Amino acid sequence: MLGTFLTILATALSLLVVDIIFSGVSIANFPAALVAAASIGLINMGVKPILYLLSLPLNILTLGGFSLIINGLCFWLASLFVPGFKVAGLIAFIVAPIILSFINTLISNYFGEKFDAVNQ
């Protein structure tokens, strides 16, 4: 349970950083970022595998490049369900999930090291 909360918290913080760095993404406040992080997690868990399966031939033809479109689609889909979270423009649709993944990895690794240090 704590691991899930820390994952959502790391994603929410990453979304806020993406909002600062990238002008195509806007998040109204921290509670909206938390809800958006949970929404992104649920969509990535439920919808994304189905999209990958349906687009497998296209993904093979593009040597995995179509995965960027699927990531963007899931990111945009989450913005439809969360008030205060908006994705505007094609560049934001494709580039923002890449930036989010990079920042989320950095923050998650930082939290993971701190969490491991406290528990030892």
PDB file of N, CA and C in Angstrom:
ATOM      1  N   MET A   1       0.820  -1.193   0.000  1.00  0.00           N
ATOM      2  CA  MET A   1       0.000   0.000   0.000  1.00  0.00           C
ATOM      3  C   MET A   1       0.867   1.261   0.000  1.00  0.00           C
ATOM      4  N   LEU A   2       1.919   1.242   0.811  1.00  0.00           N
ATOM      5  CA  LEU A   2       2.810   2.400   0.861  1.00  0.00           C
ATOM      6  C   LEU A   2       3.558   2.570  -0.459  1.00  0.00           C
ATOM      7  N   GLY A   3       3.909   1.436  -1.079  1.00  0.00           N
ATOM      8  CA  GLY A   3       4.590   1.495  -2.376  1.00  0.00           C
ATOM      9  C   GLY A   3       3.715   2.123  -3.450  1.00  0.00           C
ATOM     10  N   THR A   4       2.426   1.787  -3.430  1.00  0.00           N
ATOM     11  CA  THR A   4       1.488   2.374  -4.393  1.00  0.00           C
ATOM     12  C   THR A   4       1.358   3.871  -4.168  1.00  0.00           C
ATOM     13  N   PHE A   5       1.252   4.265  -2.907  1.00  0.00           N
ATOM     14  CA  PHE A   5       1.151   5.696  -2.593  1.00  0.00           C
ATOM     15  C   PHE A   5       2.400   6.441  -3.032  1.00  0.00           C
ATOM     16  N   LEU A   6       3.567   5.859  -2.788  1.00  0.00           N
ATOM     17  CA  LEU A   6       4.808   6.523  -3.193  1.00  0.00           C
ATOM     18  C   LEU A   6       4.924   6.617  -4.718  1.00  0.00           C
ATOM     19  N   THR A   7       4.434   5.607  -5.423  1.00  0.00           N
ATOM     20  CA  THR A   7       4.441   5.651  -6.884  1.00  0.00           C
ATOM     21  C   THR A   7       3.537   6.767  -7.398  1.00  0.00           C
ATOM     22  N   ILE A   8       2.341   6.877  -6.822  1.00  0.00           N
ATOM     23  CA  ILE A   8       1.420   7.943  -7.222  1.00  0.00           C
ATOM     24  C   ILE A   8       2.005   9.304  -6.871  1.00  0.00           C
ATOM     25  N   LEU A   9       2.619   9.415  -5.701  1.00  0.00           N
ATOM     26  CA  LEU A   9       3.235  10.676  -5.295  1.00  0.00           C
ATOM     27  C   LEU A   9       4.376  11.057  -6.231  1.00  0.00           C
ATOM     28  N   ALA A  10       5.209  10.090  -6.607  1.00  0.00           N
ATOM     29  CA  ALA A  10       6.318  10.365  -7.522  1.00  0.00           C
ATOM     30  C   ALA A  10       5.797  10.795  -8.893  1.00  0.00           C
ATOM     31  N   THR A  11       4.740  10.145  -9.352  1.00  0.00           N
ATOM     32  CA  THR A  11       4.165  10.521 -10.646  1.00  0.00           C
ATOM     33  C   THR A  11       3.536  11.909 -10.584  1.00  0.00           C
ATOM     34  N   ALA A  12       2.876  12.220  -9.465  1.00  0.00           N
ATOM     35  CA  ALA A  12       2.279  13.551  -9.315  1.00  0.00           C
ATOM     36  C   ALA A  12       3.357  14.635  -9.311  1.00  0.00           C
ATOM     37  N   LEU A  13       4.439  14.392  -8.594  1.00  0.00           N
ATOM     38  CA  LEU A  13       5.541  15.365  -8.591  1.00  0.00           C
ATOM     39  C   LEU A  13       6.153  15.494  -9.989  1.00  0.00           C
ATOM     40  N   SER A  14       6.250  14.366 -10.690  1.00  0.00           N
ATOM     41  CA  SER A  14       6.780  14.394 -12.055  1.00  0.00           C
ATOM     42  C   SER A  14       5.863  15.186 -12.975  1.00  0.00           C
ATOM     43  N   LEU A  15       4.558  15.034 -12.805  1.00  0.00           N
ATOM     44  CA  LEU A  15       3.611  15.805 -13.609  1.00  0.00           C
ATOM     45  C   LEU A  15       3.752  17.298 -13.355  1.00  0.00           C
ATOM     46  N   LEU A  16       3.970  17.674 -12.100  1.00  0.00           N
ATOM     47  CA  LEU A  16       4.163  19.096 -11.792  1.00  0.00           C
ATOM     48  C   LEU A  16       5.434  19.630 -12.442  1.00  0.00           C
ATOM     49  N   VAL A  17       6.481  18.817 -12.474  1.00  0.00           N
ATOM     50  CA  VAL A  17       7.721  19.240 -13.136  1.00  0.00           C
ATOM     51  C   VAL A  17       7.495  19.351 -14.649  1.00  0.00           C
ATOM     52  N   VAL A  18       6.761  18.404 -15.227  1.00  0.00           N
ATOM     53  CA  VAL A  18       6.437  18.474 -16.655  1.00  0.00           C
ATOM     54  C   VAL A  18       5.639  19.734 -16.954  1.00  0.00           C
ATOM     55  N   ASP A  19       4.730  20.092 -16.050  1.00  0.00           N
ATOM     56  CA  ASP A  19       3.949  21.322 -16.207  1.00  0.00           C
ATOM     57  C   ASP A  19       4.859  22.545 -16.238  1.00  0.00           C
ATOM     58  N   ILE A  20       5.889  22.548 -15.420  1.00  0.00           N
ATOM     59  CA  ILE A  20       6.826  23.673 -15.379  1.00  0.00           C
ATOM     60  C   ILE A  20       7.695  23.706 -16.634  1.00  0.00           C
ATOM     61  N   ILE A  21       8.180  22.543 -17.049  1.00  0.00           N
ATOM     62  CA  ILE A  21       9.115  22.465 -18.175  1.00  0.00           C
ATOM     63  C   ILE A  21       8.420  22.652 -19.515  1.00  0.00           C
ATOM     64  N   PHE A  22       7.250  22.049 -19.671  1.00  0.00           N
ATOM     65  CA  PHE A  22       6.613  21.940 -20.980  1.00  0.00           C
ATOM     66  C   PHE A  22       5.333  22.757 -21.004  1.00  0.00           C
ATOM     67  N   SER A  23       5.211  23.645 -21.968  1.00  0.00           N
ATOM     68  CA  SER A  23       4.060  24.547 -22.005  1.00  0.00           C
ATOM     69  C   SER A  23       2.772  23.888 -22.494  1.00  0.00           C
ATOM     70  N   GLY A  24       2.846  22.735 -23.134  1.00  0.00           N
ATOM     71  CA  GLY A  24       1.659  22.075 -23.649  1.00  0.00           C
ATOM     72  C   GLY A  24       0.863  21.313 -22.609  1.00  0.00           C
ATOM     73  N   VAL A  25       1.417  21.189 -21.412  1.00  0.00           N
ATOM     74  CA  VAL A  25       0.734  20.476 -20.324  1.00  0.00           C
ATOM     75  C   VAL A  25       0.458  21.473 -19.213  1.00  0.00           C
ATOM     76  N   SER A  26      -0.772  21.469 -18.716  1.00  0.00           N
ATOM     77  CA  SER A  26      -1.079  22.349 -17.584  1.00  0.00           C
ATOM     78  C   SER A  26      -1.821  21.564 -16.505  1.00  0.00           C
ATOM     79  N   ILE A  27      -1.385  21.793 -15.290  1.00  0.00           N
ATOM     80  CA  ILE A  27      -2.003  21.166 -14.123  1.00  0.00           C
ATOM     81  C   ILE A  27      -2.358  22.287 -13.167  1.00  0.00           C
ATOM     82  N   ALA A  28      -3.605  22.289 -12.716  1.00  0.00           N
ATOM     83  CA  ALA A  28      -4.122  23.395 -11.907  1.00  0.00           C
ATOM     84  C   ALA A  28      -3.486  23.450 -10.526  1.00  0.00           C
ATOM     85  N   ASN A  29      -3.377  22.311  -9.846  1.00  0.00           N
ATOM     86  CA  ASN A  29      -2.876  22.304  -8.477  1.00  0.00           C
ATOM     87  C   ASN A  29      -2.395  20.895  -8.117  1.00  0.00           C
ATOM     88  N   PHE A  30      -1.895  20.741  -6.892  1.00  0.00           N
ATOM     89  CA  PHE A  30      -1.347  19.453  -6.484  1.00  0.00           C
ATOM     90  C   PHE A  30      -2.409  18.356  -6.378  1.00  0.00           C
ATOM     91  N   PRO A  31      -3.610  18.634  -5.837  1.00  0.00           N
ATOM     92  CA  PRO A  31      -4.626  17.566  -5.842  1.00  0.00           C
ATOM     93  C   PRO A  31      -4.980  17.085  -7.250  1.00  0.00           C
ATOM     94  N   ALA A  32      -5.012  17.985  -8.214  1.00  0.00           N
ATOM     95  CA  ALA A  32      -5.260  17.577  -9.604  1.00  0.00           C
ATOM     96  C   ALA A  32      -4.118  16.702 -10.109  1.00  0.00           C
ATOM     97  N   ALA A  33      -2.897  17.007  -9.693  1.00  0.00           N
ATOM     98  CA  ALA A  33      -1.748  16.191 -10.086  1.00  0.00           C
ATOM     99  C   ALA A  33      -1.843  14.791  -9.481  1.00  0.00           C
ATOM    100  N   LEU A  34      -2.303  14.694  -8.231  1.00  0.00           N
ATOM    101  CA  LEU A  34      -2.475  13.379  -7.605  1.00  0.00           C
ATOM    102  C   LEU A  34      -3.529  12.551  -8.331  1.00  0.00           C
ATOM    103  N   VAL A  35      -4.654  13.177  -8.649  1.00  0.00           N
ATOM    104  CA  VAL A  35      -5.723  12.470  -9.360  1.00  0.00           C
ATOM    105  C   VAL A  35      -5.250  12.090 -10.761  1.00  0.00           C
ATOM    106  N   ALA A  36      -4.527  12.986 -11.413  1.00  0.00           N
ATOM    107  CA  ALA A  36      -3.996  12.692 -12.748  1.00  0.00           C
ATOM    108  C   ALA A  36      -3.002  11.538 -12.692  1.00  0.00           C
ATOM    109  N   ALA A  37      -2.170  11.498 -11.662  1.00  0.00           N
ATOM    110  CA  ALA A  37      -1.198  10.410 -11.518  1.00  0.00           C
ATOM    111  C   ALA A  37      -1.911   9.071 -11.340  1.00  0.00           C
ATOM    112  N   ALA A  38      -2.947   9.049 -10.509  1.00  0.00           N
ATOM    113  CA  ALA A  38      -3.713   7.821 -10.322  1.00  0.00           C
ATOM    114  C   ALA A  38      -4.423   7.423 -11.613  1.00  0.00           C
ATOM    115  N   SER A  39      -4.946   8.409 -12.325  1.00  0.00           N
ATOM    116  CA  SER A  39      -5.635   8.147 -13.592  1.00  0.00           C
ATOM    117  C   SER A  39      -4.667   7.595 -14.639  1.00  0.00           C
ATOM    118  N   ILE A  40      -3.488   8.164 -14.732  1.00  0.00           N
ATOM    119  CA  ILE A  40      -2.481   7.670 -15.666  1.00  0.00           C
ATOM    120  C   ILE A  40      -2.108   6.234 -15.316  1.00  0.00           C
ATOM    121  N   GLY A  41      -1.956   5.954 -14.036  1.00  0.00           N
ATOM    122  CA  GLY A  41      -1.635   4.599 -13.606  1.00  0.00           C
ATOM    123  C   GLY A  41      -2.717   3.599 -13.967  1.00  0.00           C
ATOM    124  N   LEU A  42      -3.970   3.976 -13.748  1.00  0.00           N
ATOM    125  CA  LEU A  42      -5.079   3.074 -14.082  1.00  0.00           C
ATOM    126  C   LEU A  42      -5.196   2.856 -15.586  1.00  0.00           C
ATOM    127  N   ILE A  43      -5.030   3.906 -16.362  1.00  0.00           N
ATOM    128  CA  ILE A  43      -5.104   3.776 -17.820  1.00  0.00           C
ATOM    129  C   ILE A  43      -3.936   2.940 -18.344  1.00  0.00           C
ATOM    130  N   ASN A  44      -2.754   3.156 -17.789  1.00  0.00           N
ATOM    131  CA  ASN A  44      -1.599   2.362 -18.203  1.00  0.00           C
ATOM    132  C   ASN A  44      -1.766   0.891 -17.824  1.00  0.00           C
ATOM    133  N   MET A  45      -2.498   0.637 -16.765  1.00  0.00           N
ATOM    134  CA  MET A  45      -2.716  -0.732 -16.324  1.00  0.00           C
ATOM    135  C   MET A  45      -3.831  -1.419 -17.110  1.00  0.00           C
ATOM    136  N   GLY A  46      -4.861  -0.666 -17.491  1.00  0.00           N
ATOM    137  CA  GLY A  46      -6.015  -1.281 -18.121  1.00  0.00           C
ATOM    138  C   GLY A  46      -6.107  -1.121 -19.619  1.00  0.00           C
ATOM    139  N   VAL A  47      -5.962   0.095 -20.103  1.00  0.00           N
ATOM    140  CA  VAL A  47      -6.190   0.387 -21.517  1.00  0.00           C
ATOM    141  C   VAL A  47      -4.936   0.148 -22.357  1.00  0.00           C
ATOM    142  N   LYS A  48      -3.783   0.499 -21.834  1.00  0.00           N
ATOM    143  CA  LYS A  48      -2.550   0.449 -22.611  1.00  0.00           C
ATOM    144  C   LYS A  48      -2.222  -0.955 -23.141  1.00  0.00           C
ATOM    145  N   PRO A  49      -2.360  -2.024 -22.346  1.00  0.00           N
ATOM    146  CA  PRO A  49      -2.073  -3.360 -22.906  1.00  0.00           C
ATOM    147  C   PRO A  49      -2.994  -3.727 -24.071  1.00  0.00           C
ATOM    148  N   ILE A  50      -4.233  -3.297 -24.007  1.00  0.00           N
ATOM    149  CA  ILE A  50      -5.173  -3.570 -25.096  1.00  0.00           C
ATOM    150  C   ILE A  50      -4.747  -2.811 -26.355  1.00  0.00           C
ATOM    151  N   LEU A  51      -4.363  -1.544 -26.176  1.00  0.00           N
ATOM    152  CA  LEU A  51      -3.900  -0.755 -27.323  1.00  0.00           C
ATOM    153  C   LEU A  51      -2.638  -1.352 -27.940  1.00  0.00           C
ATOM    154  N   TYR A  52      -1.712  -1.819 -27.098  1.00  0.00           N
ATOM    155  CA  TYR A  52      -0.502  -2.447 -27.614  1.00  0.00           C
ATOM    156  C   TYR A  52      -0.828  -3.704 -28.414  1.00  0.00           C
ATOM    157  N   LEU A  53      -1.756  -4.492 -27.909  1.00  0.00           N
ATOM    158  CA  LEU A  53      -2.123  -5.718 -28.607  1.00  0.00           C
ATOM    159  C   LEU A  53      -2.789  -5.415 -29.951  1.00  0.00           C
ATOM    160  N   LEU A  54      -3.698  -4.444 -29.949  1.00  0.00           N
ATOM    161  CA  LEU A  54      -4.396  -4.095 -31.188  1.00  0.00           C
ATOM    162  C   LEU A  54      -3.470  -3.466 -32.230  1.00  0.00           C
ATOM    163  N   SER A  55      -2.461  -2.753 -31.779  1.00  0.00           N
ATOM    164  CA  SER A  55      -1.564  -2.056 -32.703  1.00  0.00           C
ATOM    165  C   SER A  55      -0.251  -2.794 -32.922  1.00  0.00           C
ATOM    166  N   LEU A  56      -0.185  -4.045 -32.542  1.00  0.00           N
ATOM    167  CA  LEU A  56       1.062  -4.800 -32.665  1.00  0.00           C
ATOM    168  C   LEU A  56       1.615  -4.833 -34.095  1.00  0.00           C
ATOM    169  N   PRO A  57       0.789  -5.092 -35.115  1.00  0.00           N
ATOM    170  CA  PRO A  57       1.364  -5.081 -36.472  1.00  0.00           C
ATOM    171  C   PRO A  57       1.956  -3.720 -36.864  1.00  0.00           C
ATOM    172  N   LEU A  58       1.261  -2.647 -36.512  1.00  0.00           N
ATOM    173  CA  LEU A  58       1.767  -1.309 -36.816  1.00  0.00           C
ATOM    174  C   LEU A  58       3.026  -1.008 -36.011  1.00  0.00           C
ATOM    175  N   ASN A  59       3.065  -1.484 -34.794  1.00  0.00           N
ATOM    176  CA  ASN A  59       4.234  -1.281 -33.947  1.00  0.00           C
ATOM    177  C   ASN A  59       5.441  -2.042 -34.501  1.00  0.00           C
ATOM    178  N   ILE A  60       5.210  -3.227 -35.036  1.00  0.00           N
ATOM    179  CA  ILE A  60       6.301  -3.985 -35.645  1.00  0.00           C
ATOM    180  C   ILE A  60       6.796  -3.280 -36.905  1.00  0.00           C
ATOM    181  N   LEU A  61       5.872  -2.781 -37.720  1.00  0.00           N
ATOM    182  CA  LEU A  61       6.260  -2.078 -38.948  1.00  0.00           C
ATOM    183  C   LEU A  61       7.075  -0.826 -38.680  1.00  0.00           C
ATOM    184  N   THR A  62       6.771  -0.138 -37.576  1.00  0.00           N
ATOM    185  CA  THR A  62       7.492   1.103 -37.256  1.00  0.00           C
ATOM    186  C   THR A  62       8.663   0.861 -36.306  1.00  0.00           C
ATOM    187  N   LEU A  63       8.985  -0.409 -36.085  1.00  0.00           N
ATOM    188  CA  LEU A  63      10.087  -0.798 -35.192  1.00  0.00           C
ATOM    189  C   LEU A  63       9.930  -0.199 -33.791  1.00  0.00           C
ATOM    190  N   GLY A  64       8.709  -0.201 -33.300  1.00  0.00           N
ATOM    191  CA  GLY A  64       8.429   0.282 -31.952  1.00  0.00           C
ATOM    192  C   GLY A  64       8.116   1.758 -31.867  1.00  0.00           C
ATOM    193  N   GLY A  65       8.222   2.465 -32.965  1.00  0.00           N
ATOM    194  CA  GLY A  65       7.965   3.913 -32.946  1.00  0.00           C
ATOM    195  C   GLY A  65       6.520   4.260 -32.632  1.00  0.00           C
ATOM    196  N   PHE A  66       5.604   3.365 -32.965  1.00  0.00           N
ATOM    197  CA  PHE A  66       4.196   3.624 -32.681  1.00  0.00           C
ATOM    198  C   PHE A  66       3.908   3.610 -31.180  1.00  0.00           C
ATOM    199  N   SER A  67       4.825   3.085 -30.385  1.00  0.00           N
ATOM    200  CA  SER A  67       4.671   3.098 -28.923  1.00  0.00           C
ATOM    201  C   SER A  67       4.584   4.524 -28.396  1.00  0.00           C
ATOM    202  N   LEU A  68       5.270   5.457 -29.058  1.00  0.00           N
ATOM    203  CA  LEU A  68       5.189   6.865 -28.655  1.00  0.00           C
ATOM    204  C   LEU A  68       3.767   7.392 -28.808  1.00  0.00           C
ATOM    205  N   ILE A  69       3.094   6.972 -29.873  1.00  0.00           N
ATOM    206  CA  ILE A  69       1.715   7.392 -30.095  1.00  0.00           C
ATOM    207  C   ILE A  69       0.796   6.774 -29.036  1.00  0.00           C
ATOM    208  N   ILE A  70       1.025   5.524 -28.707  1.00  0.00           N
ATOM    209  CA  ILE A  70       0.200   4.869 -27.682  1.00  0.00           C
ATOM    210  C   ILE A  70       0.405   5.534 -26.332  1.00  0.00           C
ATOM    211  N   ASN A  71       1.645   5.848 -25.975  1.00  0.00           N
ATOM    212  CA  ASN A  71       1.911   6.551 -24.712  1.00  0.00           C
ATOM    213  C   ASN A  71       1.223   7.908 -24.693  1.00  0.00           C
ATOM    214  N   GLY A  72       1.316   8.624 -25.796  1.00  0.00           N
ATOM    215  CA  GLY A  72       0.658   9.924 -25.885  1.00  0.00           C
ATOM    216  C   GLY A  72      -0.852   9.808 -25.785  1.00  0.00           C
ATOM    217  N   LEU A  73      -1.400   8.790 -26.411  1.00  0.00           N
ATOM    218  CA  LEU A  73      -2.841   8.574 -26.354  1.00  0.00           C
ATOM    219  C   LEU A  73      -3.309   8.292 -24.926  1.00  0.00           C
ATOM    220  N   CYS A  74      -2.559   7.479 -24.210  1.00  0.00           N
ATOM    221  CA  CYS A  74      -2.913   7.188 -22.809  1.00  0.00           C
ATOM    222  C   CYS A  74      -2.783   8.438 -21.939  1.00  0.00           C
ATOM    223  N   PHE A  75      -1.752   9.218 -22.186  1.00  0.00           N
ATOM    224  CA  PHE A  75      -1.543  10.466 -21.449  1.00  0.00           C
ATOM    225  C   PHE A  75      -2.693  11.432 -21.708  1.00  0.00           C
ATOM    226  N   TRP A  76      -3.072  11.583 -22.976  1.00  0.00           N
ATOM    227  CA  TRP A  76      -4.174  12.465 -23.346  1.00  0.00           C
ATOM    228  C   TRP A  76      -5.496  11.947 -22.794  1.00  0.00           C
ATOM    229  N   LEU A  77      -5.703  10.636 -22.830  1.00  0.00           N
ATOM    230  CA  LEU A  77      -6.929  10.044 -22.306  1.00  0.00           C
ATOM    231  C   LEU A  77      -7.090  10.337 -20.817  1.00  0.00           C
ATOM    232  N   ALA A  78      -5.996  10.297 -20.082  1.00  0.00           N
ATOM    233  CA  ALA A  78      -6.053  10.633 -18.659  1.00  0.00           C
ATOM    234  C   ALA A  78      -6.458  12.093 -18.466  1.00  0.00           C
ATOM    235  N   SER A  79      -6.014  12.956 -19.361  1.00  0.00           N
ATOM    236  CA  SER A  79      -6.364  14.381 -19.223  1.00  0.00           C
ATOM    237  C   SER A  79      -7.851  14.629 -19.471  1.00  0.00           C
ATOM    238  N   LEU A  80      -8.502  13.748 -20.199  1.00  0.00           N
ATOM    239  CA  LEU A  80      -9.943  13.903 -20.427  1.00  0.00           C
ATOM    240  C   LEU A  80     -10.765  13.648 -19.167  1.00  0.00           C
ATOM    241  N   PHE A  81     -10.255  12.793 -18.292  1.00  0.00           N
ATOM    242  CA  PHE A  81     -11.000  12.396 -17.103  1.00  0.00           C
ATOM    243  C   PHE A  81     -10.701  13.235 -15.873  1.00  0.00           C
ATOM    244  N   VAL A  82      -9.641  14.023 -15.905  1.00  0.00           N
ATOM    245  CA  VAL A  82      -9.212  14.755 -14.712  1.00  0.00           C
ATOM    246  C   VAL A  82      -9.393  16.258 -14.928  1.00  0.00           C
ATOM    247  N   PRO A  83     -10.292  16.880 -14.160  1.00  0.00           N
ATOM    248  CA  PRO A  83     -10.399  18.341 -14.257  1.00  0.00           C
ATOM    249  C   PRO A  83      -9.126  18.994 -13.703  1.00  0.00           C
ATOM    250  N   GLY A  84      -8.661  19.997 -14.390  1.00  0.00           N
ATOM    251  CA  GLY A  84      -7.446  20.680 -13.959  1.00  0.00           C
ATOM    252  C   GLY A  84      -6.179  20.122 -14.591  1.00  0.00           C
ATOM    253  N   PHE A  85      -6.311  19.130 -15.460  1.00  0.00           N
ATOM    254  CA  PHE A  85      -5.172  18.533 -16.159  1.00  0.00           C
ATOM    255  C   PHE A  85      -5.478  18.586 -17.644  1.00  0.00           C
ATOM    256  N   LYS A  86      -4.650  19.329 -18.388  1.00  0.00           N
ATOM    257  CA  LYS A  86      -4.892  19.513 -19.815  1.00  0.00           C
ATOM    258  C   LYS A  86      -3.627  19.241 -20.618  1.00  0.00           C
ATOM    259  N   VAL A  87      -3.821  18.620 -21.771  1.00  0.00           N
ATOM    260  CA  VAL A  87      -2.740  18.390 -22.725  1.00  0.00           C
ATOM    261  C   VAL A  87      -3.159  19.067 -24.026  1.00  0.00           C
ATOM    262  N   ALA A  88      -2.350  20.017 -24.484  1.00  0.00           N
ATOM    263  CA  ALA A  88      -2.703  20.794 -25.670  1.00  0.00           C
ATOM    264  C   ALA A  88      -1.613  20.661 -26.718  1.00  0.00           C
ATOM    265  N   GLY A  89      -1.993  20.226 -27.895  1.00  0.00           N
ATOM    266  CA  GLY A  89      -1.067  20.190 -29.019  1.00  0.00           C
ATOM    267  C   GLY A  89      -0.468  18.820 -29.275  1.00  0.00           C
ATOM    268  N   LEU A  90      -0.087  18.611 -30.517  1.00  0.00           N
ATOM    269  CA  LEU A  90       0.481  17.337 -30.934  1.00  0.00           C
ATOM    270  C   LEU A  90       1.853  17.085 -30.318  1.00  0.00           C
ATOM    271  N   ILE A  91       2.633  18.135 -30.178  1.00  0.00           N
ATOM    272  CA  ILE A  91       3.969  17.971 -29.589  1.00  0.00           C
ATOM    273  C   ILE A  91       3.854  17.570 -28.124  1.00  0.00           C
ATOM    274  N   ALA A  92       2.922  18.171 -27.405  1.00  0.00           N
ATOM    275  CA  ALA A  92       2.698  17.784 -26.014  1.00  0.00           C
ATOM    276  C   ALA A  92       2.201  16.354 -25.927  1.00  0.00           C
ATOM    277  N   PHE A  93       1.405  15.951 -26.881  1.00  0.00           N
ATOM    278  CA  PHE A  93       0.854  14.605 -26.956  1.00  0.00           C
ATOM    279  C   PHE A  93       1.966  13.561 -27.036  1.00  0.00           C
ATOM    280  N   ILE A  94       3.047  13.881 -27.733  1.00  0.00           N
ATOM    281  CA  ILE A  94       4.128  12.913 -27.939  1.00  0.00           C
ATOM    282  C   ILE A  94       5.294  13.121 -26.977  1.00  0.00           C
ATOM    283  N   VAL A  95       5.700  14.370 -26.752  1.00  0.00           N
ATOM    284  CA  VAL A  95       6.916  14.643 -25.993  1.00  0.00           C
ATOM    285  C   VAL A  95       6.686  14.610 -24.473  1.00  0.00           C
ATOM    286  N   ALA A  96       5.543  15.073 -24.007  1.00  0.00           N
ATOM    287  CA  ALA A  96       5.292  15.140 -22.564  1.00  0.00           C
ATOM    288  C   ALA A  96       5.368  13.775 -21.868  1.00  0.00           C
ATOM    289  N   PRO A  97       4.828  12.689 -22.444  1.00  0.00           N
ATOM    290  CA  PRO A  97       4.993  11.394 -21.778  1.00  0.00           C
ATOM    291  C   PRO A  97       6.452  10.934 -21.693  1.00  0.00           C
ATOM    292  N   ILE A  98       7.268  11.320 -22.664  1.00  0.00           N
ATOM    293  CA  ILE A  98       8.693  10.970 -22.614  1.00  0.00           C
ATOM    294  C   ILE A  98       9.366  11.707 -21.463  1.00  0.00           C
ATOM    295  N   ILE A  99       9.084  13.002 -21.347  1.00  0.00           N
ATOM    296  CA  ILE A  99       9.645  13.792 -20.251  1.00  0.00           C
ATOM    297  C   ILE A  99       9.131  13.274 -18.911  1.00  0.00           C
ATOM    298  N   LEU A 100       7.840  12.936 -18.852  1.00  0.00           N
ATOM    299  CA  LEU A 100       7.251  12.400 -17.622  1.00  0.00           C
ATOM    300  C   LEU A 100       7.951  11.109 -17.206  1.00  0.00           C
ATOM    301  N   SER A 101       8.204  10.219 -18.148  1.00  0.00           N
ATOM    302  CA  SER A 101       8.874   8.958 -17.830  1.00  0.00           C
ATOM    303  C   SER A 101      10.283   9.194 -17.295  1.00  0.00           C
ATOM    304  N   PHE A 102      11.007  10.104 -17.924  1.00  0.00           N
ATOM    305  CA  PHE A 102      12.370  10.394 -17.491  1.00  0.00           C
ATOM    306  C   PHE A 102      12.390  10.977 -16.077  1.00  0.00           C
ATOM    307  N   ILE A 103      11.562  11.977 -15.828  1.00  0.00           N
ATOM    308  CA  ILE A 103      11.529  12.626 -14.513  1.00  0.00           C
ATOM    309  C   ILE A 103      10.996  11.664 -13.455  1.00  0.00           C
ATOM    310  N   ASN A 104       9.993  10.880 -13.819  1.00  0.00           N
ATOM    311  CA  ASN A 104       9.428   9.920 -12.877  1.00  0.00           C
ATOM    312  C   ASN A 104      10.467   8.871 -12.471  1.00  0.00           C
ATOM    313  N   THR A 105      11.297   8.448 -13.404  1.00  0.00           N
ATOM    314  CA  THR A 105      12.363   7.504 -13.086  1.00  0.00           C
ATOM    315  C   THR A 105      13.345   8.113 -12.101  1.00  0.00           C
ATOM    316  N   LEU A 106      13.734   9.366 -12.330  1.00  0.00           N
ATOM    317  CA  LEU A 106      14.666  10.031 -11.410  1.00  0.00           C
ATOM    318  C   LEU A 106      14.074  10.171 -10.007  1.00  0.00           C
ATOM    319  N   ILE A 107      12.826  10.625  -9.936  1.00  0.00           N
ATOM    320  CA  ILE A 107      12.187  10.831  -8.629  1.00  0.00           C
ATOM    321  C   ILE A 107      11.948   9.494  -7.929  1.00  0.00           C
ATOM    322  N   SER A 108      11.506   8.486  -8.666  1.00  0.00           N
ATOM    323  CA  SER A 108      11.254   7.172  -8.067  1.00  0.00           C
ATOM    324  C   SER A 108      12.540   6.562  -7.524  1.00  0.00           C
ATOM    325  N   ASN A 109      13.629   6.712  -8.268  1.00  0.00           N
ATOM    326  CA  ASN A 109      14.913   6.203  -7.775  1.00  0.00           C
ATOM    327  C   ASN A 109      15.346   6.943  -6.518  1.00  0.00           C
ATOM    328  N   TYR A 110      15.119   8.243  -6.465  1.00  0.00           N
ATOM    329  CA  TYR A 110      15.460   9.029  -5.288  1.00  0.00           C
ATOM    330  C   TYR A 110      14.636   8.574  -4.086  1.00  0.00           C
ATOM    331  N   PHE A 111      13.310   8.458  -4.280  1.00  0.00           N
ATOM    332  CA  PHE A 111      12.453   7.985  -3.185  1.00  0.00           C
ATOM    333  C   PHE A 111      12.827   6.575  -2.761  1.00  0.00           C
ATOM    334  N   GLY A 112      13.140   5.717  -3.736  1.00  0.00           N
ATOM    335  CA  GLY A 112      13.499   4.334  -3.427  1.00  0.00           C
ATOM    336  C   GLY A 112      14.745   4.257  -2.570  1.00  0.00           C
ATOM    337  N   GLU A 113      15.748   5.071  -2.882  1.00  0.00           N
ATOM    338  CA  GLU A 113      16.970   5.091  -2.073  1.00  0.00           C
ATOM    339  C   GLU A 113      16.694   5.604  -0.667  1.00  0.00           C
ATOM    340  N   LYS A 114      15.904   6.652  -0.538  1.00  0.00           N
ATOM    341  CA  LYS A 114      15.577   7.216   0.771  1.00  0.00           C
ATOM    342  C   LYS A 114      14.736   6.232   1.583  1.00  0.00           C
ATOM    343  N   PHE A 115      13.773   5.574   0.920  1.00  0.00           N
ATOM    344  CA  PHE A 115      12.905   4.617   1.599  1.00  0.00           C
ATOM    345  C   PHE A 115      13.713   3.417   2.093  1.00  0.00           C
ATOM    346  N   ASP A 116      14.657   2.951   1.284  1.00  0.00           N
ATOM    347  CA  ASP A 116      15.502   1.832   1.681  1.00  0.00           C
ATOM    348  C   ASP A 116      16.423   2.220   2.840  1.00  0.00           C
ATOM    349  N   ALA A 117      16.930   3.458   2.831  1.00  0.00           N
ATOM    350  CA  ALA A 117      17.811   3.917   3.896  1.00  0.00           C
ATOM    351  C   ALA A 117      17.074   4.025   5.219  1.00  0.00           C
ATOM    352  N   VAL A 118      15.817   4.433   5.187  1.00  0.00           N
ATOM    353  CA  VAL A 118      15.029   4.569   6.427  1.00  0.00           C
ATOM    354  C   VAL A 118      14.674   3.202   6.982  1.00  0.00           C
ATOM    355  N   ASN A 119      14.414   2.225   6.137  1.00  0.00           N
ATOM    356  CA  ASN A 119      13.974   0.907   6.587  1.00  0.00           C
ATOM    357  C   ASN A 119      15.124   0.006   7.035  1.00  0.00           C
ATOM    358  N   GLN A 120      16.361   0.419   6.852  1.00  0.00           N
ATOM    359  CA  GLN A 120      17.473  -0.432   7.279  1.00  0.00           C
ATOM    360  C   GLN A 120      17.919  -0.123   8.642  1.00  0.00           C
TER     361      GLN A 120
END
